[in-house]
Amino acid sequence: MGLGGLLRWLVIGVVVWLLYRMVKRLIVGLNGPQARSNLRPRGGEEVLDVMVQDPQCGTYLPQHEALRAKVEGREVFFCSEACRDAYLRGDKAPQS
């Protein structure tokens, strides 16, 4: 298969993709505006948990899963005991 055959398959792929997009848009349009609203995230949903960042390694995790420690009167959250202990010892965070 030469360059001409590869280009032909590329054009066929683009045409199929465009047809798929047109059919999808047509189907969503026929179902009315309520179908489109299902595709968007709903506002006002309840937040299940707050994400917190481990100051040692920078990892984000849900607050309910984090280990907590009081440091200088404020609550700090950690992803693991190793990060908590390293932070309390004053070890530097690893550079990525």
PDB file of N, CA and C in Angstrom:
ATOM      1  N   MET A   1       0.869  -1.177   0.000  1.00  0.00           N
ATOM      2  CA  MET A   1       0.000   0.000   0.000  1.00  0.00           C
ATOM      3  C   MET A   1       0.907   1.228   0.000  1.00  0.00           C
ATOM      4  N   GLY A   2       0.734   2.034  -1.013  1.00  0.00           N
ATOM      5  CA  GLY A   2       1.560   3.219  -1.155  1.00  0.00           C
ATOM      6  C   GLY A   2       0.939   4.422  -0.461  1.00  0.00           C
ATOM      7  N   LEU A   3       1.510   5.554  -0.769  1.00  0.00           N
ATOM      8  CA  LEU A   3       1.036   6.807  -0.179  1.00  0.00           C
ATOM      9  C   LEU A   3      -0.393   7.121  -0.615  1.00  0.00           C
ATOM     10  N   GLY A   4      -0.735   6.783  -1.856  1.00  0.00           N
ATOM     11  CA  GLY A   4      -2.093   7.017  -2.358  1.00  0.00           C
ATOM     12  C   GLY A   4      -3.127   6.213  -1.588  1.00  0.00           C
ATOM     13  N   GLY A   5      -2.802   4.958  -1.285  1.00  0.00           N
ATOM     14  CA  GLY A   5      -3.713   4.117  -0.512  1.00  0.00           C
ATOM     15  C   GLY A   5      -3.891   4.628   0.908  1.00  0.00           C
ATOM     16  N   LEU A   6      -2.812   5.099   1.504  1.00  0.00           N
ATOM     17  CA  LEU A   6      -2.876   5.646   2.863  1.00  0.00           C
ATOM     18  C   LEU A   6      -3.737   6.905   2.894  1.00  0.00           C
ATOM     19  N   LEU A   7      -3.556   7.766   1.911  1.00  0.00           N
ATOM     20  CA  LEU A   7      -4.367   8.989   1.836  1.00  0.00           C
ATOM     21  C   LEU A   7      -5.846   8.657   1.641  1.00  0.00           C
ATOM     22  N   ARG A   8      -6.125   7.635   0.828  1.00  0.00           N
ATOM     23  CA  ARG A   8      -7.514   7.243   0.607  1.00  0.00           C
ATOM     24  C   ARG A   8      -8.154   6.796   1.919  1.00  0.00           C
ATOM     25  N   TRP A   9      -7.445   5.976   2.711  1.00  0.00           N
ATOM     26  CA  TRP A   9      -7.984   5.537   4.001  1.00  0.00           C
ATOM     27  C   TRP A   9      -8.152   6.699   4.974  1.00  0.00           C
ATOM     28  N   LEU A  10      -7.242   7.663   4.921  1.00  0.00           N
ATOM     29  CA  LEU A  10      -7.361   8.847   5.772  1.00  0.00           C
ATOM     30  C   LEU A  10      -8.607   9.654   5.411  1.00  0.00           C
ATOM     31  N   VAL A  11      -8.854   9.854   4.128  1.00  0.00           N
ATOM     32  CA  VAL A  11     -10.045  10.591   3.682  1.00  0.00           C
ATOM     33  C   VAL A  11     -11.312   9.832   4.069  1.00  0.00           C
ATOM     34  N   ILE A  12     -11.317   8.516   3.893  1.00  0.00           N
ATOM     35  CA  ILE A  12     -12.492   7.717   4.287  1.00  0.00           C
ATOM     36  C   ILE A  12     -12.735   7.850   5.786  1.00  0.00           C
ATOM     37  N   GLY A  13     -11.681   7.805   6.576  1.00  0.00           N
ATOM     38  CA  GLY A  13     -11.825   7.956   8.029  1.00  0.00           C
ATOM     39  C   GLY A  13     -12.415   9.300   8.413  1.00  0.00           C
ATOM     40  N   VAL A  14     -11.950  10.369   7.785  1.00  0.00           N
ATOM     41  CA  VAL A  14     -12.468  11.712   8.077  1.00  0.00           C
ATOM     42  C   VAL A  14     -13.938  11.814   7.680  1.00  0.00           C
ATOM     43  N   VAL A  15     -14.311  11.261   6.534  1.00  0.00           N
ATOM     44  CA  VAL A  15     -15.702  11.299   6.083  1.00  0.00           C
ATOM     45  C   VAL A  15     -16.602  10.526   7.049  1.00  0.00           C
ATOM     46  N   VAL A  16     -16.158   9.356   7.499  1.00  0.00           N
ATOM     47  CA  VAL A  16     -16.945   8.563   8.447  1.00  0.00           C
ATOM     48  C   VAL A  16     -17.112   9.331   9.758  1.00  0.00           C
ATOM     49  N   TRP A  17     -16.040   9.946  10.222  1.00  0.00           N
ATOM     50  CA  TRP A  17     -16.107  10.724  11.463  1.00  0.00           C
ATOM     51  C   TRP A  17     -17.093  11.891  11.324  1.00  0.00           C
ATOM     52  N   LEU A  18     -17.044  12.605  10.203  1.00  0.00           N
ATOM     53  CA  LEU A  18     -17.964  13.723   9.977  1.00  0.00           C
ATOM     54  C   LEU A  18     -19.413  13.246   9.913  1.00  0.00           C
ATOM     55  N   LEU A  19     -19.654  12.118   9.250  1.00  0.00           N
ATOM     56  CA  LEU A  19     -21.012  11.567   9.205  1.00  0.00           C
ATOM     57  C   LEU A  19     -21.498  11.194  10.614  1.00  0.00           C
ATOM     58  N   TYR A  20     -20.643  10.589  11.399  1.00  0.00           N
ATOM     59  CA  TYR A  20     -20.998  10.252  12.776  1.00  0.00           C
ATOM     60  C   TYR A  20     -21.393  11.502  13.561  1.00  0.00           C
ATOM     61  N   ARG A  21     -20.593  12.560  13.445  1.00  0.00           N
ATOM     62  CA  ARG A  21     -20.896  13.805  14.159  1.00  0.00           C
ATOM     63  C   ARG A  21     -22.231  14.405  13.709  1.00  0.00           C
ATOM     64  N   MET A  22     -22.507  14.353  12.402  1.00  0.00           N
ATOM     65  CA  MET A  22     -23.759  14.908  11.889  1.00  0.00           C
ATOM     66  C   MET A  22     -24.955  14.105  12.387  1.00  0.00           C
ATOM     67  N   VAL A  23     -24.863  12.788  12.362  1.00  0.00           N
ATOM     68  CA  VAL A  23     -25.966  11.947  12.840  1.00  0.00           C
ATOM     69  C   VAL A  23     -26.179  12.166  14.339  1.00  0.00           C
ATOM     70  N   LYS A  24     -25.117  12.226  15.086  1.00  0.00           N
ATOM     71  CA  LYS A  24     -25.226  12.460  16.525  1.00  0.00           C
ATOM     72  C   LYS A  24     -25.908  13.801  16.813  1.00  0.00           C
ATOM     73  N   ARG A  25     -25.507  14.834  16.098  1.00  0.00           N
ATOM     74  CA  ARG A  25     -26.099  16.161  16.288  1.00  0.00           C
ATOM     75  C   ARG A  25     -27.574  16.157  15.893  1.00  0.00           C
ATOM     76  N   LEU A  26     -27.919  15.438  14.833  1.00  0.00           N
ATOM     77  CA  LEU A  26     -29.302  15.333  14.390  1.00  0.00           C
ATOM     78  C   LEU A  26     -30.151  14.627  15.440  1.00  0.00           C
ATOM     79  N   ILE A  27     -29.642  13.537  16.001  1.00  0.00           N
ATOM     80  CA  ILE A  27     -30.389  12.790  17.021  1.00  0.00           C
ATOM     81  C   ILE A  27     -30.604  13.638  18.265  1.00  0.00           C
ATOM     82  N   VAL A  28     -29.588  14.332  18.714  1.00  0.00           N
ATOM     83  CA  VAL A  28     -29.735  15.202  19.889  1.00  0.00           C
ATOM     84  C   VAL A  28     -30.726  16.319  19.590  1.00  0.00           C
ATOM     85  N   GLY A  29     -30.697  16.853  18.370  1.00  0.00           N
ATOM     86  CA  GLY A  29     -31.627  17.913  17.996  1.00  0.00           C
ATOM     87  C   GLY A  29     -33.065  17.438  17.963  1.00  0.00           C
ATOM     88  N   LEU A  30     -33.304  16.198  17.540  1.00  0.00           N
ATOM     89  CA  LEU A  30     -34.656  15.663  17.490  1.00  0.00           C
ATOM     90  C   LEU A  30     -35.231  15.407  18.874  1.00  0.00           C
ATOM     91  N   ASN A  31     -34.388  15.103  19.826  1.00  0.00           N
ATOM     92  CA  ASN A  31     -34.856  14.823  21.178  1.00  0.00           C
ATOM     93  C   ASN A  31     -35.188  16.083  21.966  1.00  0.00           C
ATOM     94  N   GLY A  32     -34.885  17.221  21.419  1.00  0.00           N
ATOM     95  CA  GLY A  32     -35.261  18.473  22.059  1.00  0.00           C
ATOM     96  C   GLY A  32     -34.209  18.989  23.024  1.00  0.00           C
ATOM     97  N   PRO A  33     -34.489  20.151  23.620  1.00  0.00           N
ATOM     98  CA  PRO A  33     -33.499  20.774  24.491  1.00  0.00           C
ATOM     99  C   PRO A  33     -33.218  19.974  25.761  1.00  0.00           C
ATOM    100  N   GLN A  34     -34.178  19.148  26.223  1.00  0.00           N
ATOM    101  CA  GLN A  34     -33.925  18.376  27.435  1.00  0.00           C
ATOM    102  C   GLN A  34     -32.815  17.363  27.227  1.00  0.00           C
ATOM    103  N   ALA A  35     -32.640  16.871  26.013  1.00  0.00           N
ATOM    104  CA  ALA A  35     -31.554  15.928  25.742  1.00  0.00           C
ATOM    105  C   ALA A  35     -30.207  16.620  25.882  1.00  0.00           C
ATOM    106  N   ARG A  36     -30.121  17.848  25.429  1.00  0.00           N
ATOM    107  CA  ARG A  36     -28.871  18.586  25.567  1.00  0.00           C
ATOM    108  C   ARG A  36     -28.572  18.911  27.016  1.00  0.00           C
ATOM    109  N   SER A  37     -29.600  19.194  27.807  1.00  0.00           N
ATOM    110  CA  SER A  37     -29.355  19.531  29.203  1.00  0.00           C
ATOM    111  C   SER A  37     -28.798  18.340  29.953  1.00  0.00           C
ATOM    112  N   ASN A  38     -29.071  17.116  29.499  1.00  0.00           N
ATOM    113  CA  ASN A  38     -28.506  15.940  30.151  1.00  0.00           C
ATOM    114  C   ASN A  38     -27.006  15.829  29.925  1.00  0.00           C
ATOM    115  N   LEU A  39     -26.491  16.453  28.867  1.00  0.00           N
ATOM    116  CA  LEU A  39     -25.075  16.394  28.567  1.00  0.00           C
ATOM    117  C   LEU A  39     -24.274  17.361  29.424  1.00  0.00           C
ATOM    118  N   ARG A  40     -24.903  18.397  29.928  1.00  0.00           N
ATOM    119  CA  ARG A  40     -24.204  19.398  30.732  1.00  0.00           C
ATOM    120  C   ARG A  40     -24.237  19.013  32.203  1.00  0.00           C
ATOM    121  N   PRO A  41     -23.194  19.381  32.955  1.00  0.00           N
ATOM    122  CA  PRO A  41     -23.242  19.130  34.393  1.00  0.00           C
ATOM    123  C   PRO A  41     -24.319  19.979  35.036  1.00  0.00           C
ATOM    124  N   ARG A  42     -24.981  19.415  36.002  1.00  0.00           N
ATOM    125  CA  ARG A  42     -26.053  20.145  36.675  1.00  0.00           C
ATOM    126  C   ARG A  42     -25.476  21.054  37.739  1.00  0.00           C
ATOM    127  N   GLY A  43     -26.008  22.259  37.819  1.00  0.00           N
ATOM    128  CA  GLY A  43     -25.591  23.178  38.867  1.00  0.00           C
ATOM    129  C   GLY A  43     -26.322  22.875  40.152  1.00  0.00           C
ATOM    130  N   GLY A  44     -25.741  23.246  41.252  1.00  0.00           N
ATOM    131  CA  GLY A  44     -26.401  23.086  42.530  1.00  0.00           C
ATOM    132  C   GLY A  44     -26.341  21.685  43.100  1.00  0.00           C
ATOM    133  N   GLU A  45     -25.544  20.805  42.499  1.00  0.00           N
ATOM    134  CA  GLU A  45     -25.420  19.474  43.073  1.00  0.00           C
ATOM    135  C   GLU A  45     -24.620  19.566  44.368  1.00  0.00           C
ATOM    136  N   GLU A  46     -24.927  18.661  45.263  1.00  0.00           N
ATOM    137  CA  GLU A  46     -24.262  18.645  46.555  1.00  0.00           C
ATOM    138  C   GLU A  46     -22.799  18.225  46.381  1.00  0.00           C
ATOM    139  N   VAL A  47     -21.906  18.936  47.048  1.00  0.00           N
ATOM    140  CA  VAL A  47     -20.501  18.583  47.043  1.00  0.00           C
ATOM    141  C   VAL A  47     -20.306  17.482  48.065  1.00  0.00           C
ATOM    142  N   LEU A  48     -19.774  16.342  47.636  1.00  0.00           N
ATOM    143  CA  LEU A  48     -19.627  15.204  48.523  1.00  0.00           C
ATOM    144  C   LEU A  48     -18.412  15.326  49.429  1.00  0.00           C
ATOM    145  N   ASP A  49     -17.348  15.914  48.944  1.00  0.00           N
ATOM    146  CA  ASP A  49     -16.156  16.078  49.758  1.00  0.00           C
ATOM    147  C   ASP A  49     -15.269  17.150  49.145  1.00  0.00           C
ATOM    148  N   VAL A  50     -14.423  17.718  49.967  1.00  0.00           N
ATOM    149  CA  VAL A  50     -13.501  18.759  49.546  1.00  0.00           C
ATOM    150  C   VAL A  50     -12.160  18.103  49.262  1.00  0.00           C
ATOM    151  N   MET A  51     -11.506  18.527  48.187  1.00  0.00           N
ATOM    152  CA  MET A  51     -10.175  18.025  47.878  1.00  0.00           C
ATOM    153  C   MET A  51      -9.156  18.873  48.625  1.00  0.00           C
ATOM    154  N   VAL A  52      -8.177  18.198  49.225  1.00  0.00           N
ATOM    155  CA  VAL A  52      -7.103  18.888  49.948  1.00  0.00           C
ATOM    156  C   VAL A  52      -5.783  18.449  49.342  1.00  0.00           C
ATOM    157  N   GLN A  53      -4.747  19.283  49.545  1.00  0.00           N
ATOM    158  CA  GLN A  53      -3.430  18.984  48.981  1.00  0.00           C
ATOM    159  C   GLN A  53      -2.440  18.681  50.088  1.00  0.00           C
ATOM    160  N   ASP A  54      -1.709  17.603  49.906  1.00  0.00           N
ATOM    161  CA  ASP A  54      -0.637  17.231  50.816  1.00  0.00           C
ATOM    162  C   ASP A  54       0.503  18.233  50.606  1.00  0.00           C
ATOM    163  N   PRO A  55       0.932  18.965  51.664  1.00  0.00           N
ATOM    164  CA  PRO A  55       1.985  19.964  51.474  1.00  0.00           C
ATOM    165  C   PRO A  55       3.363  19.341  51.224  1.00  0.00           C
ATOM    166  N   GLN A  56       3.527  18.076  51.559  1.00  0.00           N
ATOM    167  CA  GLN A  56       4.820  17.413  51.378  1.00  0.00           C
ATOM    168  C   GLN A  56       5.042  16.978  49.934  1.00  0.00           C
ATOM    169  N   CYS A  57       4.072  16.257  49.371  1.00  0.00           N
ATOM    170  CA  CYS A  57       4.276  15.706  48.016  1.00  0.00           C
ATOM    171  C   CYS A  57       3.412  16.379  46.957  1.00  0.00           C
ATOM    172  N   GLY A  58       2.412  17.168  47.374  1.00  0.00           N
ATOM    173  CA  GLY A  58       1.571  17.876  46.410  1.00  0.00           C
ATOM    174  C   GLY A  58       0.378  17.085  45.911  1.00  0.00           C
ATOM    175  N   THR A  59       0.166  15.877  46.439  1.00  0.00           N
ATOM    176  CA  THR A  59      -0.948  15.047  46.004  1.00  0.00           C
ATOM    177  C   THR A  59      -2.272  15.617  46.494  1.00  0.00           C
ATOM    178  N   TYR A  60      -3.298  15.604  45.614  1.00  0.00           N
ATOM    179  CA  TYR A  60      -4.650  15.994  46.007  1.00  0.00           C
ATOM    180  C   TYR A  60      -5.434  14.736  46.352  1.00  0.00           C
ATOM    181  N   LEU A  61      -6.232  14.819  47.417  1.00  0.00           N
ATOM    182  CA  LEU A  61      -7.065  13.688  47.811  1.00  0.00           C
ATOM    183  C   LEU A  61      -8.287  14.212  48.548  1.00  0.00           C
ATOM    184  N   PRO A  62      -9.366  13.407  48.619  1.00  0.00           N
ATOM    185  CA  PRO A  62     -10.555  13.826  49.343  1.00  0.00           C
ATOM    186  C   PRO A  62     -10.230  14.019  50.830  1.00  0.00           C
ATOM    187  N   GLN A  63     -10.786  15.045  51.419  1.00  0.00           N
ATOM    188  CA  GLN A  63     -10.478  15.384  52.810  1.00  0.00           C
ATOM    189  C   GLN A  63     -10.775  14.225  53.754  1.00  0.00           C
ATOM    190  N   HIS A  64     -11.843  13.470  53.493  1.00  0.00           N
ATOM    191  CA  HIS A  64     -12.192  12.382  54.411  1.00  0.00           C
ATOM    192  C   HIS A  64     -11.186  11.235  54.379  1.00  0.00           C
ATOM    193  N   GLU A  65     -10.341  11.156  53.331  1.00  0.00           N
ATOM    194  CA  GLU A  65      -9.325  10.113  53.239  1.00  0.00           C
ATOM    195  C   GLU A  65      -7.971  10.563  53.775  1.00  0.00           C
ATOM    196  N   ALA A  66      -7.819  11.846  54.041  1.00  0.00           N
ATOM    197  CA  ALA A  66      -6.516  12.400  54.409  1.00  0.00           C
ATOM    198  C   ALA A  66      -6.218  12.211  55.900  1.00  0.00           C
ATOM    199  N   LEU A  67      -4.918  12.092  56.199  1.00  0.00           N
ATOM    200  CA  LEU A  67      -4.464  12.125  57.590  1.00  0.00           C
ATOM    201  C   LEU A  67      -4.342  13.586  57.989  1.00  0.00           C
ATOM    202  N   ARG A  68      -4.672  13.882  59.225  1.00  0.00           N
ATOM    203  CA  ARG A  68      -4.669  15.271  59.691  1.00  0.00           C
ATOM    204  C   ARG A  68      -3.595  15.479  60.741  1.00  0.00           C
ATOM    205  N   ALA A  69      -3.075  16.700  60.781  1.00  0.00           N
ATOM    206  CA  ALA A  69      -2.129  17.080  61.836  1.00  0.00           C
ATOM    207  C   ALA A  69      -2.293  18.568  62.089  1.00  0.00           C
ATOM    208  N   LYS A  70      -2.102  18.970  63.338  1.00  0.00           N
ATOM    209  CA  LYS A  70      -2.112  20.391  63.686  1.00  0.00           C
ATOM    210  C   LYS A  70      -0.686  20.902  63.597  1.00  0.00           C
ATOM    211  N   VAL A  71      -0.475  21.897  62.760  1.00  0.00           N
ATOM    212  CA  VAL A  71       0.843  22.496  62.592  1.00  0.00           C
ATOM    213  C   VAL A  71       0.684  23.993  62.770  1.00  0.00           C
ATOM    214  N   GLU A  72       1.328  24.528  63.808  1.00  0.00           N
ATOM    215  CA  GLU A  72       1.266  25.963  64.112  1.00  0.00           C
ATOM    216  C   GLU A  72      -0.171  26.454  64.191  1.00  0.00           C
ATOM    217  N   GLY A  73      -1.042  25.663  64.819  1.00  0.00           N
ATOM    218  CA  GLY A  73      -2.414  26.061  65.053  1.00  0.00           C
ATOM    219  C   GLY A  73      -3.366  25.871  63.880  1.00  0.00           C
ATOM    220  N   ARG A  74      -2.885  25.343  62.784  1.00  0.00           N
ATOM    221  CA  ARG A  74      -3.787  25.103  61.651  1.00  0.00           C
ATOM    222  C   ARG A  74      -3.767  23.628  61.301  1.00  0.00           C
ATOM    223  N   GLU A  75      -4.873  23.169  60.720  1.00  0.00           N
ATOM    224  CA  GLU A  75      -5.001  21.767  60.343  1.00  0.00           C
ATOM    225  C   GLU A  75      -4.405  21.551  58.959  1.00  0.00           C
ATOM    226  N   VAL A  76      -3.521  20.563  58.866  1.00  0.00           N
ATOM    227  CA  VAL A  76      -2.849  20.239  57.609  1.00  0.00           C
ATOM    228  C   VAL A  76      -3.193  18.792  57.270  1.00  0.00           C
ATOM    229  N   PHE A  77      -3.355  18.506  55.970  1.00  0.00           N
ATOM    230  CA  PHE A  77      -3.795  17.190  55.512  1.00  0.00           C
ATOM    231  C   PHE A  77      -2.676  16.503  54.727  1.00  0.00           C
ATOM    232  N   PHE A  78      -2.563  15.172  54.914  1.00  0.00           N
ATOM    233  CA  PHE A  78      -1.505  14.395  54.278  1.00  0.00           C
ATOM    234  C   PHE A  78      -2.079  13.145  53.632  1.00  0.00           C
ATOM    235  N   CYS A  79      -1.390  12.662  52.582  1.00  0.00           N
ATOM    236  CA  CYS A  79      -1.842  11.462  51.877  1.00  0.00           C
ATOM    237  C   CYS A  79      -1.376  10.194  52.565  1.00  0.00           C
ATOM    238  N   SER A  80      -0.314  10.274  53.361  1.00  0.00           N
ATOM    239  CA  SER A  80       0.215   9.071  54.002  1.00  0.00           C
ATOM    240  C   SER A  80       0.947   9.444  55.279  1.00  0.00           C
ATOM    241  N   GLU A  81       1.206   8.428  56.098  1.00  0.00           N
ATOM    242  CA  GLU A  81       1.981   8.645  57.321  1.00  0.00           C
ATOM    243  C   GLU A  81       3.405   9.067  56.982  1.00  0.00           C
ATOM    244  N   ALA A  82       3.959   8.510  55.904  1.00  0.00           N
ATOM    245  CA  ALA A  82       5.323   8.867  55.503  1.00  0.00           C
ATOM    246  C   ALA A  82       5.419  10.355  55.162  1.00  0.00           C
ATOM    247  N   CYS A  83       4.458  10.874  54.421  1.00  0.00           N
ATOM    248  CA  CYS A  83       4.467  12.307  54.082  1.00  0.00           C
ATOM    249  C   CYS A  83       4.266  13.159  55.333  1.00  0.00           C
ATOM    250  N   ARG A  84       3.346  12.735  56.191  1.00  0.00           N
ATOM    251  CA  ARG A  84       3.102  13.479  57.427  1.00  0.00           C
ATOM    252  C   ARG A  84       4.374  13.537  58.276  1.00  0.00           C
ATOM    253  N   ASP A  85       5.011  12.388  58.470  1.00  0.00           N
ATOM    254  CA  ASP A  85       6.207  12.340  59.304  1.00  0.00           C
ATOM    255  C   ASP A  85       7.348  13.148  58.699  1.00  0.00           C
ATOM    256  N   ALA A  86       7.530  13.058  57.383  1.00  0.00           N
ATOM    257  CA  ALA A  86       8.582  13.823  56.707  1.00  0.00           C
ATOM    258  C   ALA A  86       8.328  15.316  56.850  1.00  0.00           C
ATOM    259  N   TYR A  87       7.080  15.726  56.715  1.00  0.00           N
ATOM    260  CA  TYR A  87       6.735  17.154  56.832  1.00  0.00           C
ATOM    261  C   TYR A  87       6.988  17.653  58.253  1.00  0.00           C
ATOM    262  N   LEU A  88       6.599  16.855  59.249  1.00  0.00           N
ATOM    263  CA  LEU A  88       6.788  17.256  60.648  1.00  0.00           C
ATOM    264  C   LEU A  88       8.265  17.275  61.028  1.00  0.00           C
ATOM    265  N   ARG A  89       9.094  16.440  60.387  1.00  0.00           N
ATOM    266  CA  ARG A  89      10.544  16.463  60.619  1.00  0.00           C
ATOM    267  C   ARG A  89      11.189  17.645  59.912  1.00  0.00           C
ATOM    268  N   GLY A  90      10.504  18.226  58.952  1.00  0.00           N
ATOM    269  CA  GLY A  90      11.055  19.369  58.209  1.00  0.00           C
ATOM    270  C   GLY A  90      11.790  18.957  56.947  1.00  0.00           C
ATOM    271  N   ASP A  91      11.603  17.697  56.517  1.00  0.00           N
ATOM    272  CA  ASP A  91      12.242  17.256  55.265  1.00  0.00           C
ATOM    273  C   ASP A  91      11.680  18.037  54.090  1.00  0.00           C
ATOM    274  N   LYS A  92      12.535  18.270  53.117  1.00  0.00           N
ATOM    275  CA  LYS A  92      12.093  18.962  51.907  1.00  0.00           C
ATOM    276  C   LYS A  92      11.260  18.035  51.052  1.00  0.00           C
ATOM    277  N   ALA A  93      10.268  18.611  50.375  1.00  0.00           N
ATOM    278  CA  ALA A  93       9.450  17.834  49.441  1.00  0.00           C
ATOM    279  C   ALA A  93      10.305  17.454  48.243  1.00  0.00           C
ATOM    280  N   PRO A  94      10.145  16.234  47.699  1.00  0.00           N
ATOM    281  CA  PRO A  94      10.935  15.843  46.522  1.00  0.00           C
ATOM    282  C   PRO A  94      10.576  16.703  45.325  1.00  0.00           C
ATOM    283  N   GLN A  95      11.590  17.046  44.541  1.00  0.00           N
ATOM    284  CA  GLN A  95      11.367  17.862  43.336  1.00  0.00           C
ATOM    285  C   GLN A  95      10.995  16.952  42.176  1.00  0.00           C
ATOM    286  N   SER A  96       9.931  17.324  41.418  1.00  0.00           N
ATOM    287  CA  SER A  96       9.549  16.500  40.273  1.00  0.00           C
ATOM    288  C   SER A  96      10.022  17.096  38.995  1.00  0.00           C
TER     289      SER A  96
END
